[in-house]
C-alpha atoms as a PDB file:
ATOM      1  CA  MET A   1       5.430 -28.895  -3.056  1.00  0.00           C
ATOM      2  CA  GLU A   2       8.296 -27.871  -5.283  1.00  0.00           C
ATOM      3  CA  ILE A   3      11.868 -28.297  -4.047  1.00  0.00           C
ATOM      4  CA  LYS A   4      14.861 -26.730  -5.815  1.00  0.00           C
ATOM      5  CA  ILE A   5      18.378 -27.885  -4.984  1.00  0.00           C
ATOM      6  CA  GLY A   6      21.424 -25.917  -6.072  1.00  0.00           C
ATOM      7  CA  ILE A   7      24.715 -27.767  -6.404  1.00  0.00           C
ATOM      8  CA  GLN A   8      28.089 -26.027  -6.035  1.00  0.00           C
ATOM      9  CA  ASN A   9      29.884 -25.447  -9.359  1.00  0.00           C
ATOM     10  CA  VAL A  10      26.894 -26.712 -11.389  1.00  0.00           C
ATOM     11  CA  GLY A  11      24.837 -24.338 -13.523  1.00  0.00           C
ATOM     12  CA  ARG A  12      21.570 -26.272 -13.367  1.00  0.00           C
ATOM     13  CA  GLU A  13      19.490 -26.890 -10.307  1.00  0.00           C
ATOM     14  CA  ILE A  14      17.577 -30.047  -9.407  1.00  0.00           C
ATOM     15  CA  VAL A  15      13.813 -29.456  -9.295  1.00  0.00           C
ATOM     16  CA  LEU A  16      11.365 -31.996  -7.944  1.00  0.00           C
ATOM     17  CA  GLU A  17       7.780 -32.182  -6.716  1.00  0.00           C
ATOM     18  CA  SER A  18       7.376 -33.922  -3.378  1.00  0.00           C
ATOM     19  CA  ALA A  19       4.515 -34.951  -1.126  1.00  0.00           C
ATOM     20  CA  GLN A  20       6.715 -34.451   1.948  1.00  0.00           C
ATOM     21  CA  THR A  21       5.895 -31.557   4.263  1.00  0.00           C
ATOM     22  CA  THR A  22       8.060 -28.459   4.606  1.00  0.00           C
ATOM     23  CA  ASP A  23       9.162 -29.577   8.067  1.00  0.00           C
ATOM     24  CA  GLU A  24      10.153 -33.059   6.838  1.00  0.00           C
ATOM     25  CA  VAL A  25      12.260 -31.653   4.010  1.00  0.00           C
ATOM     26  CA  ALA A  26      13.916 -29.072   6.272  1.00  0.00           C
ATOM     27  CA  ALA A  27      14.710 -31.790   8.834  1.00  0.00           C
ATOM     28  CA  ASN A  28      16.218 -34.026   6.123  1.00  0.00           C
ATOM     29  CA  VAL A  29      18.398 -31.168   4.869  1.00  0.00           C
ATOM     30  CA  SER A  30      19.585 -30.203   8.372  1.00  0.00           C
ATOM     31  CA  GLU A  31      20.348 -33.816   9.266  1.00  0.00           C
ATOM     32  CA  ALA A  32      22.297 -34.416   6.055  1.00  0.00           C
ATOM     33  CA  ILE A  33      24.412 -31.291   6.582  1.00  0.00           C
ATOM     34  CA  ALA A  34      25.044 -32.056  10.261  1.00  0.00           C
ATOM     35  CA  LYS A  35      26.119 -35.643   9.569  1.00  0.00           C
ATOM     36  CA  GLY A  36      27.976 -34.879   6.337  1.00  0.00           C
ATOM     37  CA  ALA A  37      25.902 -37.582   4.637  1.00  0.00           C
ATOM     38  CA  GLU A  38      23.795 -37.408   1.503  1.00  0.00           C
ATOM     39  CA  LEU A  39      20.504 -35.556   1.264  1.00  0.00           C
ATOM     40  CA  ARG A  40      17.831 -38.118   0.391  1.00  0.00           C
ATOM     41  CA  LEU A  41      14.455 -36.914  -0.907  1.00  0.00           C
ATOM     42  CA  THR A  42      11.577 -38.777  -2.551  1.00  0.00           C
ATOM     43  CA  ASP A  43       9.519 -37.131  -5.280  1.00  0.00           C
ATOM     44  CA  ASP A  44       5.774 -37.553  -5.776  1.00  0.00           C
ATOM     45  CA  LYS A  45       6.330 -40.398  -8.287  1.00  0.00           C
ATOM     46  CA  GLY A  46       8.377 -42.440  -5.811  1.00  0.00           C
ATOM     47  CA  ARG A  47      11.811 -41.682  -7.297  1.00  0.00           C
ATOM     48  CA  VAL A  48      14.641 -41.069  -4.838  1.00  0.00           C
ATOM     49  CA  VAL A  49      17.075 -38.172  -5.270  1.00  0.00           C
ATOM     50  CA  LEU A  50      20.436 -38.395  -3.468  1.00  0.00           C
ATOM     51  CA  VAL A  51      22.790 -35.416  -3.233  1.00  0.00           C
ATOM     52  CA  PRO A  52      26.024 -35.395  -1.182  1.00  0.00           C
ATOM     53  CA  ALA A  53      25.625 -32.795   1.580  1.00  0.00           C
ATOM     54  CA  ASN A  54      29.119 -31.377   1.045  1.00  0.00           C
ATOM     55  CA  VAL A  55      28.194 -30.089  -2.455  1.00  0.00           C
ATOM     56  CA  LEU A  56      24.869 -28.450  -1.559  1.00  0.00           C
ATOM     57  CA  GLY A  57      24.710 -24.808  -2.558  1.00  0.00           C
ATOM     58  CA  TYR A  58      21.118 -24.182  -1.448  1.00  0.00           C
ATOM     59  CA  VAL A  59      17.781 -25.896  -0.982  1.00  0.00           C
ATOM     60  CA  GLU A  60      14.649 -23.881  -1.767  1.00  0.00           C
ATOM     61  CA  ILE A  61      11.474 -25.344  -0.297  1.00  0.00           C
ATOM     62  CA  GLY A  62       8.271 -24.101  -1.932  1.00  0.00           C
ATOM     63  CA  ALA A  63       5.065 -23.401  -0.060  1.00  0.00           C
ATOM     64  CA  GLU A  64       2.657 -26.259   0.385  1.00  0.00           C
ATOM     65  CA  GLU A  65      -0.332 -25.873  -1.916  1.00  0.00           C
ATOM     66  CA  SER A  66      -3.630 -27.617  -1.932  1.00  0.00           C
ATOM     67  CA  ARG A  67      -4.629 -28.926  -5.345  1.00  0.00           C
ATOM     68  CA  ARG A  68      -7.159 -26.810  -7.185  1.00  0.00           C
ATOM     69  CA  VAL A  69     -10.090 -28.391  -8.941  1.00  0.00           C
ATOM     70  CA  GLY A  70     -12.046 -26.806 -11.773  1.00  0.00           C
ATOM     71  CA  PHE A  71     -11.585 -23.806 -13.965  1.00  0.00           C
ATOM     72  CA  GLY A  72     -12.299 -21.036 -11.456  1.00  0.00           C
ATOM     73  CA  ALA A  73     -10.685 -17.640 -11.960  1.00  0.00           C
ATOM     74  CA  LEU A  74      -8.420 -16.305  -9.246  1.00  0.00           C
END
């Protein structure tokens, strides 16, 4: 799923693809904000993204999609 993170006073957002579920990401965000710690997410290539919770502007969690196979028309 695609996750977009907006940072306060920064024009660009962080975009990453993650294998984590929507509930896992939402729980990580809520926990980071509640504790005042950093938001820690892992993308689908194993890279870790750390963002201090006090500078989060927003976190947009995309819908989970199953991978499509083939060239079928929608």
